[in-house]
Each structure stands twice: as structure tokens, then as C-alpha cells.
Amino acid sequence: MKVGGRAVVLSLRPRFAEAILNGSKTAELRRQRVGAPAGTRLILYSSSPVMAIVGTAFIAQVDMLTPARAWQRYSGQLALSELEFDRYLEGTSNACIISLRNVQ
């Protein structure tokens, strides 16, 4: 585990922040590559209406995949439906998956 060093704030809808904290979501989906390596500390920020830092985690790994491959590999870890996944990634050919570990 990395101690000290760089940290990245990850802004999340309250629904997804809660899912990460309760363990039902172990990977985060983004449209663009996250420029942080494995071991980077994440500050979990829950957006409106919560608007607060709710926890921390570490990046286990970052994968850049096609949307189809990302859904195939990570659908059970994202806490969203296939329709939500498709709508979020509409218009892009990439899916960035951030696998999380040591969530607190």
C-alpha cells in the first residue's frame, strides 16, 4: 500500500459513492483515461445533494477497454444497468475502468 504521495479526488453521484462504501461497487467507470497509476489514493467525494468527502480507496489497476469488453469483464462490479452503461459511454470508443481496493 502506498503511503503519502499523490491523491486524486474522485467525484461520484451519491448512489455510486454509497455502493462503493458498502462493497457492491468495486470498479468505477469513466469515459476518459485516468492518469493515475495503481497504488494512488482516491478521495471519494459524493456530489449533490451530499457534497462531502465520504471515504478513501486505492487504485488497484486501471484498464482501458472497448465498451463491449468492459461490460463483459466488469458488469458485475459497476452497480449500474447495461442501459445506463451504454448511455454513459455513448459517442466514445473507450471505457476506463478503475478497480478499487482498501475502501474505507
PDB file of N, CA and C in Angstrom:
ATOM      1  N   MET A   1       0.849  -1.177   0.000  1.00  0.00           N
ATOM      2  CA  MET A   1       0.000   0.000   0.000  1.00  0.00           C
ATOM      3  C   MET A   1       0.891   1.235   0.000  1.00  0.00           C
ATOM      4  N   LYS A   2       0.538   2.181  -0.833  1.00  0.00           N
ATOM      5  CA  LYS A   2       1.292   3.429  -0.937  1.00  0.00           C
ATOM      6  C   LYS A   2       0.936   4.343   0.226  1.00  0.00           C
ATOM      7  N   VAL A   3       1.920   4.874   0.878  1.00  0.00           N
ATOM      8  CA  VAL A   3       1.701   5.803   1.985  1.00  0.00           C
ATOM      9  C   VAL A   3       2.171   7.172   1.548  1.00  0.00           C
ATOM     10  N   GLY A   4       1.361   8.196   1.792  1.00  0.00           N
ATOM     11  CA  GLY A   4       1.716   9.541   1.368  1.00  0.00           C
ATOM     12  C   GLY A   4       1.612   9.669  -0.133  1.00  0.00           C
ATOM     13  N   GLY A   5       2.295  10.650  -0.713  1.00  0.00           N
ATOM     14  CA  GLY A   5       2.292  10.816  -2.162  1.00  0.00           C
ATOM     15  C   GLY A   5       1.020  11.439  -2.679  1.00  0.00           C
ATOM     16  N   ARG A   6       0.821  11.255  -3.953  1.00  0.00           N
ATOM     17  CA  ARG A   6      -0.280  11.864  -4.685  1.00  0.00           C
ATOM     18  C   ARG A   6      -1.632  11.240  -4.334  1.00  0.00           C
ATOM     19  N   ALA A   7      -2.649  12.070  -4.299  1.00  0.00           N
ATOM     20  CA  ALA A   7      -4.025  11.604  -4.123  1.00  0.00           C
ATOM     21  C   ALA A   7      -4.883  12.263  -5.190  1.00  0.00           C
ATOM     22  N   VAL A   8      -5.946  11.588  -5.589  1.00  0.00           N
ATOM     23  CA  VAL A   8      -6.852  12.079  -6.619  1.00  0.00           C
ATOM     24  C   VAL A   8      -8.253  12.118  -6.031  1.00  0.00           C
ATOM     25  N   VAL A   9      -8.971  13.218  -6.247  1.00  0.00           N
ATOM     26  CA  VAL A   9     -10.364  13.317  -5.820  1.00  0.00           C
ATOM     27  C   VAL A   9     -11.235  12.707  -6.912  1.00  0.00           C
ATOM     28  N   LEU A  10     -12.075  11.773  -6.528  1.00  0.00           N
ATOM     29  CA  LEU A  10     -12.987  11.117  -7.447  1.00  0.00           C
ATOM     30  C   LEU A  10     -14.400  11.558  -7.079  1.00  0.00           C
ATOM     31  N   SER A  11     -15.000  12.376  -7.947  1.00  0.00           N
ATOM     32  CA  SER A  11     -16.356  12.869  -7.711  1.00  0.00           C
ATOM     33  C   SER A  11     -17.352  11.825  -8.209  1.00  0.00           C
ATOM     34  N   LEU A  12     -18.291  11.473  -7.341  1.00  0.00           N
ATOM     35  CA  LEU A  12     -19.246  10.404  -7.622  1.00  0.00           C
ATOM     36  C   LEU A  12     -20.656  10.839  -7.287  1.00  0.00           C
ATOM     37  N   ARG A  13     -21.625  10.350  -8.036  1.00  0.00           N
ATOM     38  CA  ARG A  13     -23.013  10.548  -7.642  1.00  0.00           C
ATOM     39  C   ARG A  13     -23.206   9.820  -6.307  1.00  0.00           C
ATOM     40  N   PRO A  14     -24.054  10.347  -5.433  1.00  0.00           N
ATOM     41  CA  PRO A  14     -24.251   9.720  -4.121  1.00  0.00           C
ATOM     42  C   PRO A  14     -24.567   8.227  -4.192  1.00  0.00           C
ATOM     43  N   ARG A  15     -25.357   7.829  -5.150  1.00  0.00           N
ATOM     44  CA  ARG A  15     -25.712   6.412  -5.325  1.00  0.00           C
ATOM     45  C   ARG A  15     -24.462   5.548  -5.513  1.00  0.00           C
ATOM     46  N   PHE A  16     -23.522   6.028  -6.317  1.00  0.00           N
ATOM     47  CA  PHE A  16     -22.320   5.251  -6.587  1.00  0.00           C
ATOM     48  C   PHE A  16     -21.325   5.330  -5.432  1.00  0.00           C
ATOM     49  N   ALA A  17     -21.263   6.465  -4.774  1.00  0.00           N
ATOM     50  CA  ALA A  17     -20.406   6.575  -3.589  1.00  0.00           C
ATOM     51  C   ALA A  17     -20.862   5.574  -2.529  1.00  0.00           C
ATOM     52  N   GLU A  18     -22.155   5.496  -2.295  1.00  0.00           N
ATOM     53  CA  GLU A  18     -22.692   4.559  -1.307  1.00  0.00           C
ATOM     54  C   GLU A  18     -22.411   3.113  -1.715  1.00  0.00           C
ATOM     55  N   ALA A  19     -22.551   2.811  -2.998  1.00  0.00           N
ATOM     56  CA  ALA A  19     -22.295   1.453  -3.482  1.00  0.00           C
ATOM     57  C   ALA A  19     -20.822   1.070  -3.292  1.00  0.00           C
ATOM     58  N   ILE A  20     -19.926   2.008  -3.477  1.00  0.00           N
ATOM     59  CA  ILE A  20     -18.502   1.733  -3.225  1.00  0.00           C
ATOM     60  C   ILE A  20     -18.283   1.471  -1.744  1.00  0.00           C
ATOM     61  N   LEU A  21     -18.870   2.301  -0.912  1.00  0.00           N
ATOM     62  CA  LEU A  21     -18.671   2.149   0.530  1.00  0.00           C
ATOM     63  C   LEU A  21     -19.271   0.861   1.087  1.00  0.00           C
ATOM     64  N   ASN A  22     -20.387   0.410   0.500  1.00  0.00           N
ATOM     65  CA  ASN A  22     -20.994  -0.823   1.015  1.00  0.00           C
ATOM     66  C   ASN A  22     -20.463  -2.079   0.319  1.00  0.00           C
ATOM     67  N   GLY A  23     -19.548  -1.905  -0.636  1.00  0.00           N
ATOM     68  CA  GLY A  23     -18.890  -3.044  -1.265  1.00  0.00           C
ATOM     69  C   GLY A  23     -19.577  -3.624  -2.480  1.00  0.00           C
ATOM     70  N   SER A  24     -20.730  -3.079  -2.874  1.00  0.00           N
ATOM     71  CA  SER A  24     -21.426  -3.613  -4.048  1.00  0.00           C
ATOM     72  C   SER A  24     -20.863  -3.076  -5.365  1.00  0.00           C
ATOM     73  N   LYS A  25     -20.008  -2.073  -5.293  1.00  0.00           N
ATOM     74  CA  LYS A  25     -19.348  -1.494  -6.467  1.00  0.00           C
ATOM     75  C   LYS A  25     -17.849  -1.501  -6.186  1.00  0.00           C
ATOM     76  N   THR A  26     -17.104  -2.274  -6.988  1.00  0.00           N
ATOM     77  CA  THR A  26     -15.667  -2.391  -6.761  1.00  0.00           C
ATOM     78  C   THR A  26     -14.848  -1.850  -7.923  1.00  0.00           C
ATOM     79  N   ALA A  27     -15.543  -1.281  -8.916  1.00  0.00           N
ATOM     80  CA  ALA A  27     -14.863  -0.680 -10.063  1.00  0.00           C
ATOM     81  C   ALA A  27     -15.634   0.556 -10.496  1.00  0.00           C
ATOM     82  N   GLU A  28     -14.911   1.582 -10.896  1.00  0.00           N
ATOM     83  CA  GLU A  28     -15.502   2.843 -11.336  1.00  0.00           C
ATOM     84  C   GLU A  28     -15.294   2.991 -12.834  1.00  0.00           C
ATOM     85  N   LEU A  29     -16.328   3.436 -13.525  1.00  0.00           N
ATOM     86  CA  LEU A  29     -16.318   3.632 -14.973  1.00  0.00           C
ATOM     87  C   LEU A  29     -16.132   5.101 -15.299  1.00  0.00           C
ATOM     88  N   ARG A  30     -15.228   5.387 -16.213  1.00  0.00           N
ATOM     89  CA  ARG A  30     -15.013   6.751 -16.708  1.00  0.00           C
ATOM     90  C   ARG A  30     -14.897   6.718 -18.227  1.00  0.00           C
ATOM     91  N   ARG A  31     -15.261   7.835 -18.859  1.00  0.00           N
ATOM     92  CA  ARG A  31     -15.186   7.942 -20.322  1.00  0.00           C
ATOM     93  C   ARG A  31     -13.757   8.186 -20.810  1.00  0.00           C
ATOM     94  N   GLN A  32     -12.932   8.768 -19.972  1.00  0.00           N
ATOM     95  CA  GLN A  32     -11.560   9.068 -20.363  1.00  0.00           C
ATOM     96  C   GLN A  32     -10.590   8.403 -19.387  1.00  0.00           C
ATOM     97  N   ARG A  33      -9.406   8.166 -19.882  1.00  0.00           N
ATOM     98  CA  ARG A  33      -8.368   7.531 -19.073  1.00  0.00           C
ATOM     99  C   ARG A  33      -8.056   8.382 -17.845  1.00  0.00           C
ATOM    100  N   VAL A  34      -7.885   7.703 -16.747  1.00  0.00           N
ATOM    101  CA  VAL A  34      -7.464   8.348 -15.513  1.00  0.00           C
ATOM    102  C   VAL A  34      -5.943   8.266 -15.473  1.00  0.00           C
ATOM    103  N   GLY A  35      -5.308   9.408 -15.334  1.00  0.00           N
ATOM    104  CA  GLY A  35      -3.845   9.462 -15.375  1.00  0.00           C
ATOM    105  C   GLY A  35      -3.190   9.226 -14.036  1.00  0.00           C
ATOM    106  N   ALA A  36      -3.637   8.238 -13.328  1.00  0.00           N
ATOM    107  CA  ALA A  36      -3.055   7.902 -12.024  1.00  0.00           C
ATOM    108  C   ALA A  36      -2.740   6.409 -12.014  1.00  0.00           C
ATOM    109  N   PRO A  37      -1.585   6.041 -11.506  1.00  0.00           N
ATOM    110  CA  PRO A  37      -1.187   4.634 -11.509  1.00  0.00           C
ATOM    111  C   PRO A  37      -1.797   3.846 -10.351  1.00  0.00           C
ATOM    112  N   ALA A  38      -1.668   2.528 -10.437  1.00  0.00           N
ATOM    113  CA  ALA A  38      -2.056   1.656  -9.334  1.00  0.00           C
ATOM    114  C   ALA A  38      -1.327   2.116  -8.075  1.00  0.00           C
ATOM    115  N   GLY A  39      -2.013   2.046  -6.949  1.00  0.00           N
ATOM    116  CA  GLY A  39      -1.439   2.473  -5.683  1.00  0.00           C
ATOM    117  C   GLY A  39      -1.793   3.891  -5.295  1.00  0.00           C
ATOM    118  N   THR A  40      -2.363   4.652  -6.239  1.00  0.00           N
ATOM    119  CA  THR A  40      -2.752   6.034  -5.952  1.00  0.00           C
ATOM    120  C   THR A  40      -3.955   6.053  -5.011  1.00  0.00           C
ATOM    121  N   ARG A  41      -3.890   6.916  -3.998  1.00  0.00           N
ATOM    122  CA  ARG A  41      -5.008   7.087  -3.064  1.00  0.00           C
ATOM    123  C   ARG A  41      -6.102   7.909  -3.747  1.00  0.00           C
ATOM    124  N   LEU A  42      -7.343   7.471  -3.583  1.00  0.00           N
ATOM    125  CA  LEU A  42      -8.510   8.188  -4.087  1.00  0.00           C
ATOM    126  C   LEU A  42      -9.283   8.775  -2.913  1.00  0.00           C
ATOM    127  N   ILE A  43      -9.636  10.023  -3.038  1.00  0.00           N
ATOM    128  CA  ILE A  43     -10.523  10.684  -2.082  1.00  0.00           C
ATOM    129  C   ILE A  43     -11.914  10.607  -2.702  1.00  0.00           C
ATOM    130  N   LEU A  44     -12.853   9.946  -2.045  1.00  0.00           N
ATOM    131  CA  LEU A  44     -14.193   9.747  -2.589  1.00  0.00           C
ATOM    132  C   LEU A  44     -15.101  10.898  -2.168  1.00  0.00           C
ATOM    133  N   TYR A  45     -15.505  11.668  -3.163  1.00  0.00           N
ATOM    134  CA  TYR A  45     -16.373  12.829  -2.937  1.00  0.00           C
ATOM    135  C   TYR A  45     -17.758  12.518  -3.478  1.00  0.00           C
ATOM    136  N   SER A  46     -18.765  12.609  -2.638  1.00  0.00           N
ATOM    137  CA  SER A  46     -20.154  12.389  -3.037  1.00  0.00           C
ATOM    138  C   SER A  46     -20.761  13.745  -3.431  1.00  0.00           C
ATOM    139  N   SER A  47     -21.209  13.831  -4.691  1.00  0.00           N
ATOM    140  CA  SER A  47     -21.723  15.096  -5.220  1.00  0.00           C
ATOM    141  C   SER A  47     -23.104  15.430  -4.646  1.00  0.00           C
ATOM    142  N   SER A  48     -23.726  16.465  -5.167  1.00  0.00           N
ATOM    143  CA  SER A  48     -25.005  16.980  -4.689  1.00  0.00           C
ATOM    144  C   SER A  48     -26.066  15.878  -4.628  1.00  0.00           C
ATOM    145  N   PRO A  49     -26.855  15.817  -3.589  1.00  0.00           N
ATOM    146  CA  PRO A  49     -27.007  16.780  -2.511  1.00  0.00           C
ATOM    147  C   PRO A  49     -26.090  16.558  -1.307  1.00  0.00           C
ATOM    148  N   VAL A  50     -25.292  15.481  -1.291  1.00  0.00           N
ATOM    149  CA  VAL A  50     -24.429  15.195  -0.138  1.00  0.00           C
ATOM    150  C   VAL A  50     -23.302  16.221  -0.032  1.00  0.00           C
ATOM    151  N   MET A  51     -22.564  16.411  -1.118  1.00  0.00           N
ATOM    152  CA  MET A  51     -21.477  17.385  -1.217  1.00  0.00           C
ATOM    153  C   MET A  51     -20.476  17.271  -0.058  1.00  0.00           C
ATOM    154  N   ALA A  52     -19.898  16.064   0.064  1.00  0.00           N
ATOM    155  CA  ALA A  52     -18.934  15.819   1.138  1.00  0.00           C
ATOM    156  C   ALA A  52     -17.980  14.687   0.750  1.00  0.00           C
ATOM    157  N   ILE A  53     -16.818  14.705   1.367  1.00  0.00           N
ATOM    158  CA  ILE A  53     -15.898  13.589   1.244  1.00  0.00           C
ATOM    159  C   ILE A  53     -16.447  12.480   2.128  1.00  0.00           C
ATOM    160  N   VAL A  54     -16.612  11.285   1.533  1.00  0.00           N
ATOM    161  CA  VAL A  54     -17.255  10.196   2.261  1.00  0.00           C
ATOM    162  C   VAL A  54     -16.331   9.006   2.519  1.00  0.00           C
ATOM    163  N   GLY A  55     -15.147   9.013   1.927  1.00  0.00           N
ATOM    164  CA  GLY A  55     -14.246   7.898   2.150  1.00  0.00           C
ATOM    165  C   GLY A  55     -12.994   7.993   1.305  1.00  0.00           C
ATOM    166  N   THR A  56     -12.207   6.930   1.377  1.00  0.00           N
ATOM    167  CA  THR A  56     -10.986   6.826   0.578  1.00  0.00           C
ATOM    168  C   THR A  56     -10.893   5.409   0.017  1.00  0.00           C
ATOM    169  N   ALA A  57     -10.066   5.264  -0.986  1.00  0.00           N
ATOM    170  CA  ALA A  57      -9.769   3.960  -1.577  1.00  0.00           C
ATOM    171  C   ALA A  57      -8.424   4.086  -2.268  1.00  0.00           C
ATOM    172  N   PHE A  58      -7.945   2.977  -2.797  1.00  0.00           N
ATOM    173  CA  PHE A  58      -6.724   2.980  -3.592  1.00  0.00           C
ATOM    174  C   PHE A  58      -7.029   2.368  -4.951  1.00  0.00           C
ATOM    175  N   ILE A  59      -6.315   2.817  -5.964  1.00  0.00           N
ATOM    176  CA  ILE A  59      -6.448   2.228  -7.293  1.00  0.00           C
ATOM    177  C   ILE A  59      -5.701   0.898  -7.292  1.00  0.00           C
ATOM    178  N   ALA A  60      -6.409  -0.169  -7.620  1.00  0.00           N
ATOM    179  CA  ALA A  60      -5.777  -1.474  -7.772  1.00  0.00           C
ATOM    180  C   ALA A  60      -5.182  -1.592  -9.173  1.00  0.00           C
ATOM    181  N   GLN A  61      -5.974  -1.133 -10.177  1.00  0.00           N
ATOM    182  CA  GLN A  61      -5.486  -1.099 -11.556  1.00  0.00           C
ATOM    183  C   GLN A  61      -6.417  -0.241 -12.385  1.00  0.00           C
ATOM    184  N   VAL A  62      -5.913   0.197 -13.532  1.00  0.00           N
ATOM    185  CA  VAL A  62      -6.690   0.974 -14.490  1.00  0.00           C
ATOM    186  C   VAL A  62      -6.653   0.231 -15.819  1.00  0.00           C
ATOM    187  N   ASP A  63      -7.832  -0.052 -16.376  1.00  0.00           N
ATOM    188  CA  ASP A  63      -7.934  -0.727 -17.670  1.00  0.00           C
ATOM    189  C   ASP A  63      -8.626   0.175 -18.678  1.00  0.00           C
ATOM    190  N   MET A  64      -8.063   0.271 -19.876  1.00  0.00           N
ATOM    191  CA  MET A  64      -8.723   0.936 -20.999  1.00  0.00           C
ATOM    192  C   MET A  64      -9.180  -0.160 -21.947  1.00  0.00           C
ATOM    193  N   LEU A  65     -10.488  -0.208 -22.174  1.00  0.00           N
ATOM    194  CA  LEU A  65     -11.081  -1.268 -22.975  1.00  0.00           C
ATOM    195  C   LEU A  65     -12.130  -0.700 -23.915  1.00  0.00           C
ATOM    196  N   THR A  66     -12.543  -1.502 -24.884  1.00  0.00           N
ATOM    197  CA  THR A  66     -13.718  -1.124 -25.656  1.00  0.00           C
ATOM    198  C   THR A  66     -14.916  -1.239 -24.718  1.00  0.00           C
ATOM    199  N   PRO A  67     -15.997  -0.504 -24.988  1.00  0.00           N
ATOM    200  CA  PRO A  67     -17.174  -0.640 -24.131  1.00  0.00           C
ATOM    201  C   PRO A  67     -17.678  -2.084 -24.023  1.00  0.00           C
ATOM    202  N   ALA A  68     -17.686  -2.802 -25.146  1.00  0.00           N
ATOM    203  CA  ALA A  68     -18.182  -4.184 -25.109  1.00  0.00           C
ATOM    204  C   ALA A  68     -17.330  -5.056 -24.186  1.00  0.00           C
ATOM    205  N   ARG A  69     -16.036  -4.924 -24.297  1.00  0.00           N
ATOM    206  CA  ARG A  69     -15.122  -5.714 -23.451  1.00  0.00           C
ATOM    207  C   ARG A  69     -15.231  -5.297 -21.980  1.00  0.00           C
ATOM    208  N   ALA A  70     -15.372  -3.996 -21.740  1.00  0.00           N
ATOM    209  CA  ALA A  70     -15.511  -3.507 -20.367  1.00  0.00           C
ATOM    210  C   ALA A  70     -16.776  -4.069 -19.720  1.00  0.00           C
ATOM    211  N   TRP A  71     -17.881  -4.073 -20.460  1.00  0.00           N
ATOM    212  CA  TRP A  71     -19.124  -4.614 -19.919  1.00  0.00           C
ATOM    213  C   TRP A  71     -18.979  -6.109 -19.656  1.00  0.00           C
ATOM    214  N   GLN A  72     -18.373  -6.806 -20.597  1.00  0.00           N
ATOM    215  CA  GLN A  72     -18.182  -8.248 -20.453  1.00  0.00           C
ATOM    216  C   GLN A  72     -17.363  -8.576 -19.204  1.00  0.00           C
ATOM    217  N   ARG A  73     -16.320  -7.829 -18.978  1.00  0.00           N
ATOM    218  CA  ARG A  73     -15.399  -8.134 -17.879  1.00  0.00           C
ATOM    219  C   ARG A  73     -15.853  -7.574 -16.530  1.00  0.00           C
ATOM    220  N   TYR A  74     -16.478  -6.374 -16.516  1.00  0.00           N
ATOM    221  CA  TYR A  74     -16.711  -5.661 -15.246  1.00  0.00           C
ATOM    222  C   TYR A  74     -18.171  -5.390 -14.892  1.00  0.00           C
ATOM    223  N   SER A  75     -19.120  -5.868 -15.679  1.00  0.00           N
ATOM    224  CA  SER A  75     -20.524  -5.507 -15.435  1.00  0.00           C
ATOM    225  C   SER A  75     -20.981  -5.785 -14.010  1.00  0.00           C
ATOM    226  N   GLY A  76     -20.512  -6.859 -13.413  1.00  0.00           N
ATOM    227  CA  GLY A  76     -20.926  -7.202 -12.054  1.00  0.00           C
ATOM    228  C   GLY A  76     -20.298  -6.358 -10.965  1.00  0.00           C
ATOM    229  N   GLN A  77     -19.354  -5.483 -11.339  1.00  0.00           N
ATOM    230  CA  GLN A  77     -18.649  -4.660 -10.351  1.00  0.00           C
ATOM    231  C   GLN A  77     -19.002  -3.173 -10.435  1.00  0.00           C
ATOM    232  N   LEU A  78     -19.880  -2.796 -11.379  1.00  0.00           N
ATOM    233  CA  LEU A  78     -20.113  -1.375 -11.659  1.00  0.00           C
ATOM    234  C   LEU A  78     -21.363  -0.785 -11.013  1.00  0.00           C
ATOM    235  N   ALA A  79     -22.270  -1.621 -10.526  1.00  0.00           N
ATOM    236  CA  ALA A  79     -23.501  -1.166  -9.863  1.00  0.00           C
ATOM    237  C   ALA A  79     -24.351  -0.272 -10.769  1.00  0.00           C
ATOM    238  N   LEU A  80     -24.461  -0.662 -12.044  1.00  0.00           N
ATOM    239  CA  LEU A  80     -25.354   0.027 -12.956  1.00  0.00           C
ATOM    240  C   LEU A  80     -25.855  -0.949 -14.002  1.00  0.00           C
ATOM    241  N   SER A  81     -26.965  -0.585 -14.635  1.00  0.00           N
ATOM    242  CA  SER A  81     -27.564  -1.459 -15.643  1.00  0.00           C
ATOM    243  C   SER A  81     -26.821  -1.325 -16.972  1.00  0.00           C
ATOM    244  N   GLU A  82     -27.057  -2.270 -17.863  1.00  0.00           N
ATOM    245  CA  GLU A  82     -26.431  -2.207 -19.179  1.00  0.00           C
ATOM    246  C   GLU A  82     -26.917  -0.977 -19.945  1.00  0.00           C
ATOM    247  N   LEU A  83     -28.166  -0.605 -19.783  1.00  0.00           N
ATOM    248  CA  LEU A  83     -28.695   0.595 -20.441  1.00  0.00           C
ATOM    249  C   LEU A  83     -27.975   1.849 -19.938  1.00  0.00           C
ATOM    250  N   GLU A  84     -27.794   1.960 -18.622  1.00  0.00           N
ATOM    251  CA  GLU A  84     -27.057   3.100 -18.057  1.00  0.00           C
ATOM    252  C   GLU A  84     -25.618   3.123 -18.567  1.00  0.00           C
ATOM    253  N   PHE A  85     -24.997   1.962 -18.615  1.00  0.00           N
ATOM    254  CA  PHE A  85     -23.631   1.827 -19.116  1.00  0.00           C
ATOM    255  C   PHE A  85     -23.548   2.322 -20.557  1.00  0.00           C
ATOM    256  N   ASP A  86     -24.450   1.832 -21.405  1.00  0.00           N
ATOM    257  CA  ASP A  86     -24.453   2.226 -22.820  1.00  0.00           C
ATOM    258  C   ASP A  86     -24.708   3.718 -22.998  1.00  0.00           C
ATOM    259  N   ARG A  87     -25.634   4.262 -22.252  1.00  0.00           N
ATOM    260  CA  ARG A  87     -25.929   5.700 -22.359  1.00  0.00           C
ATOM    261  C   ARG A  87     -24.739   6.547 -21.920  1.00  0.00           C
ATOM    262  N   TYR A  88     -24.080   6.145 -20.849  1.00  0.00           N
ATOM    263  CA  TYR A  88     -22.934   6.896 -20.344  1.00  0.00           C
ATOM    264  C   TYR A  88     -21.792   6.914 -21.361  1.00  0.00           C
ATOM    265  N   LEU A  89     -21.565   5.801 -22.032  1.00  0.00           N
ATOM    266  CA  LEU A  89     -20.447   5.698 -22.972  1.00  0.00           C
ATOM    267  C   LEU A  89     -20.812   6.046 -24.412  1.00  0.00           C
ATOM    268  N   GLU A  90     -22.058   6.447 -24.637  1.00  0.00           N
ATOM    269  CA  GLU A  90     -22.497   6.789 -25.993  1.00  0.00           C
ATOM    270  C   GLU A  90     -21.559   7.830 -26.612  1.00  0.00           C
ATOM    271  N   GLY A  91     -21.115   7.560 -27.825  1.00  0.00           N
ATOM    272  CA  GLY A  91     -20.262   8.504 -28.539  1.00  0.00           C
ATOM    273  C   GLY A  91     -18.774   8.342 -28.280  1.00  0.00           C
ATOM    274  N   THR A  92     -18.382   7.386 -27.473  1.00  0.00           N
ATOM    275  CA  THR A  92     -16.965   7.166 -27.216  1.00  0.00           C
ATOM    276  C   THR A  92     -16.613   5.711 -27.540  1.00  0.00           C
ATOM    277  N   SER A  93     -15.383   5.485 -27.905  1.00  0.00           N
ATOM    278  CA  SER A  93     -14.950   4.124 -28.231  1.00  0.00           C
ATOM    279  C   SER A  93     -14.122   3.510 -27.107  1.00  0.00           C
ATOM    280  N   ASN A  94     -13.991   4.238 -26.005  1.00  0.00           N
ATOM    281  CA  ASN A  94     -13.175   3.772 -24.879  1.00  0.00           C
ATOM    282  C   ASN A  94     -13.966   3.748 -23.590  1.00  0.00           C
ATOM    283  N   ALA A  95     -13.585   2.820 -22.735  1.00  0.00           N
ATOM    284  CA  ALA A  95     -14.111   2.761 -21.370  1.00  0.00           C
ATOM    285  C   ALA A  95     -12.915   2.604 -20.446  1.00  0.00           C
ATOM    286  N   CYS A  96     -12.817   3.491 -19.479  1.00  0.00           N
ATOM    287  CA  CYS A  96     -11.750   3.402 -18.489  1.00  0.00           C
ATOM    288  C   CYS A  96     -12.356   2.797 -17.224  1.00  0.00           C
ATOM    289  N   ILE A  97     -11.784   1.696 -16.793  1.00  0.00           N
ATOM    290  CA  ILE A  97     -12.252   1.025 -15.585  1.00  0.00           C
ATOM    291  C   ILE A  97     -11.181   1.162 -14.507  1.00  0.00           C
ATOM    292  N   ILE A  98     -11.574   1.716 -13.372  1.00  0.00           N
ATOM    293  CA  ILE A  98     -10.680   1.866 -12.230  1.00  0.00           C
ATOM    294  C   ILE A  98     -11.096   0.823 -11.194  1.00  0.00           C
ATOM    295  N   SER A  99     -10.268  -0.181 -11.007  1.00  0.00           N
ATOM    296  CA  SER A  99     -10.542  -1.197  -9.975  1.00  0.00           C
ATOM    297  C   SER A  99     -10.075  -0.638  -8.636  1.00  0.00           C
ATOM    298  N   LEU A 100     -10.925  -0.794  -7.624  1.00  0.00           N
ATOM    299  CA  LEU A 100     -10.690  -0.210  -6.309  1.00  0.00           C
ATOM    300  C   LEU A 100     -10.287  -1.250  -5.282  1.00  0.00           C
ATOM    301  N   ARG A 101      -9.496  -0.824  -4.304  1.00  0.00           N
ATOM    302  CA  ARG A 101      -9.141  -1.699  -3.184  1.00  0.00           C
ATOM    303  C   ARG A 101      -9.028  -0.853  -1.920  1.00  0.00           C
ATOM    304  N   ASN A 102      -9.039  -1.495  -0.782  1.00  0.00           N
ATOM    305  CA  ASN A 102      -8.887  -0.843   0.527  1.00  0.00           C
ATOM    306  C   ASN A 102      -9.838   0.347   0.696  1.00  0.00           C
ATOM    307  N   VAL A 103     -11.093   0.127   0.419  1.00  0.00           N
ATOM    308  CA  VAL A 103     -12.103   1.185   0.580  1.00  0.00           C
ATOM    309  C   VAL A 103     -12.384   1.384   2.059  1.00  0.00           C
ATOM    310  N   GLN A 104     -12.374   2.639   2.472  1.00  0.00           N
ATOM    311  CA  GLN A 104     -12.691   2.976   3.870  1.00  0.00           C
ATOM    312  C   GLN A 104     -13.630   4.152   3.905  1.00  0.00           C
TER     313      GLN A 104
END
